[in-house]
Protein backbone atom coordinates (compact mmCIF):
# COMPACT_ATOMS: atom_id res chain seq x y z
CA MET A 1 1.10 112.72 65.46
CA PHE A 2 4.70 111.43 65.48
CA VAL A 3 4.58 110.78 61.72
CA LYS A 4 3.37 114.34 61.11
CA LEU A 5 6.31 115.66 63.12
CA LEU A 6 8.66 113.50 61.07
CA ALA A 7 7.16 114.93 57.88
CA ASP A 8 7.61 118.49 59.18
CA PHE A 9 11.17 117.66 60.22
CA THR A 10 11.82 116.31 56.71
CA VAL A 11 10.69 119.64 55.23
CA LEU A 12 13.04 121.48 57.57
CA ILE A 13 15.97 119.22 56.60
CA HIS A 14 15.06 119.75 52.93
CA PHE A 15 15.15 123.52 53.44
CA LEU A 16 18.51 123.34 55.21
CA TRP A 17 19.87 121.15 52.40
CA ILE A 18 18.87 123.80 49.85
CA VAL A 19 20.52 126.52 51.93
CA PHE A 20 23.66 124.37 52.15
CA LEU A 21 23.73 124.02 48.36
CA PHE A 22 23.62 127.82 48.05
CA VAL A 23 26.18 128.78 50.70
CA GLY A 24 28.19 125.58 51.12
CA GLY A 25 30.93 126.92 48.87
CA LEU A 26 31.79 129.49 51.51
CA TRP A 27 32.47 126.71 54.03
CA GLY A 28 33.97 124.42 51.43
CA ARG A 29 36.80 126.81 50.68
CA ARG A 30 38.25 126.14 54.12
CA LYS A 31 37.22 122.56 54.83
CA ARG A 32 38.05 119.80 52.36
CA LEU A 33 35.32 117.46 53.64
CA PHE A 34 32.69 120.22 53.23
CA LYS A 35 33.97 120.85 49.72
CA ILE A 36 33.60 117.20 48.70
CA PHE A 37 30.15 116.93 50.28
CA HIS A 38 29.01 120.23 48.77
CA LEU A 39 30.23 119.48 45.24
CA SER A 40 28.66 116.02 45.45
CA GLY A 41 25.38 117.61 46.51
CA LEU A 42 25.51 120.07 43.62
CA ALA A 43 26.22 117.24 41.17
CA PHE A 44 23.29 115.27 42.62
CA ALA A 45 21.02 118.31 42.27
CA LEU A 46 22.06 118.69 38.63
CA ILE A 47 21.41 114.99 37.92
CA ILE A 48 17.98 115.26 39.53
CA GLN A 49 17.15 118.23 37.30
CA LEU A 50 18.53 116.70 34.11
CA PHE A 51 16.58 113.46 34.50
CA ASP A 52 13.44 115.18 35.86
CA TRP A 53 13.52 113.17 39.08
CA TYR A 54 12.16 114.21 42.46
CA CYS A 55 14.46 114.68 45.42
CA PRO A 56 14.41 111.69 47.80
CA LEU A 57 13.47 114.08 50.60
CA THR A 58 10.33 115.02 48.66
CA HIS A 59 9.39 111.36 48.33
CA LEU A 60 10.00 110.83 52.05
CA GLU A 61 7.85 113.79 53.02
CA VAL A 62 4.97 112.74 50.76
CA TRP A 63 5.15 109.19 52.10
CA LEU A 64 5.16 110.40 55.72
CA ARG A 65 2.23 112.73 55.12
CA ALA A 66 0.28 109.90 53.47
CA LYS A 67 1.03 107.69 56.49
CA HIS A 68 -0.23 110.39 58.84
CA HIS A 69 -3.54 110.95 57.07
CA PRO A 70 -3.93 110.48 53.31
CA ASN A 71 -6.96 112.80 52.94
CA LEU A 72 -5.84 115.54 55.28
CA THR A 73 -5.47 118.99 53.78
CA TYR A 74 -2.51 121.04 54.86
CA THR A 75 -2.89 122.14 58.48
CA GLY A 76 0.75 122.37 59.62
CA SER A 77 2.42 125.20 61.44
CA PHE A 78 2.94 128.46 59.62
CA ILE A 79 6.72 128.00 59.69
CA ILE A 80 6.47 124.67 57.89
CA TYR A 81 3.87 126.18 55.55
CA TYR A 82 6.23 128.97 54.46
CA ILE A 83 9.28 126.72 54.26
CA GLU A 84 7.28 124.47 51.94
CA ARG A 85 6.37 127.51 49.82
CA ILE A 86 10.08 128.26 49.42
CA ILE A 87 11.10 124.66 48.69
CA TYR A 88 8.31 123.84 46.27
CA LEU A 89 8.27 126.96 44.12
CA GLU A 90 5.77 127.05 41.28
CA ILE A 91 8.26 127.66 38.47
CA SER A 92 8.97 125.79 35.27
CA ARG A 93 11.34 122.85 35.11
CA THR A 94 13.54 124.78 32.65
CA LEU A 95 14.01 127.65 35.11
CA VAL A 96 14.87 125.24 37.92
CA LEU A 97 17.49 123.61 35.67
CA LEU A 98 18.88 127.03 34.71
CA PHE A 99 19.10 128.11 38.37
CA THR A 100 20.78 124.81 39.27
CA ILE A 101 23.42 125.35 36.58
CA LEU A 102 23.94 128.97 37.66
CA LEU A 103 24.27 127.84 41.27
CA MET A 104 26.90 125.28 40.26
CA CYS A 105 28.83 127.88 38.24
CA PHE A 106 28.71 130.34 41.14
CA ASN A 107 30.03 127.76 43.60
CA ILE A 108 32.74 126.59 41.21
CA TRP A 109 33.79 130.24 40.89
CA ILE A 110 33.94 130.48 44.71
CA TYR A 111 36.13 127.38 44.86
CA LEU A 112 38.49 128.48 42.07
CA ARG A 113 39.12 132.08 43.06
CA LYS A 114 42.24 132.81 45.03
């Protein structure tokens, strides 16, 4: 049961990380440390997309779920279910790469405007 909770918590952290990548530029304009962390995260997201890698949080979640029960179908809470639907969208790799590049351009624009 504890491993399942860790897997659900990993999905929640993954969701929050994605939200941070989208809106982190708003915080990064005022805080230098946020800016460095946010731009590093965006660069990491771009590298993941360019090399067709999986996010380490995805690997962690899959590993935790396999530890909990390898043959278990999804029976988590509805909140985790819908968060997973948002995180693991069924779209092409090319679209994900395009959205990642657009997200980076948008955040760079936020950082560079006066």
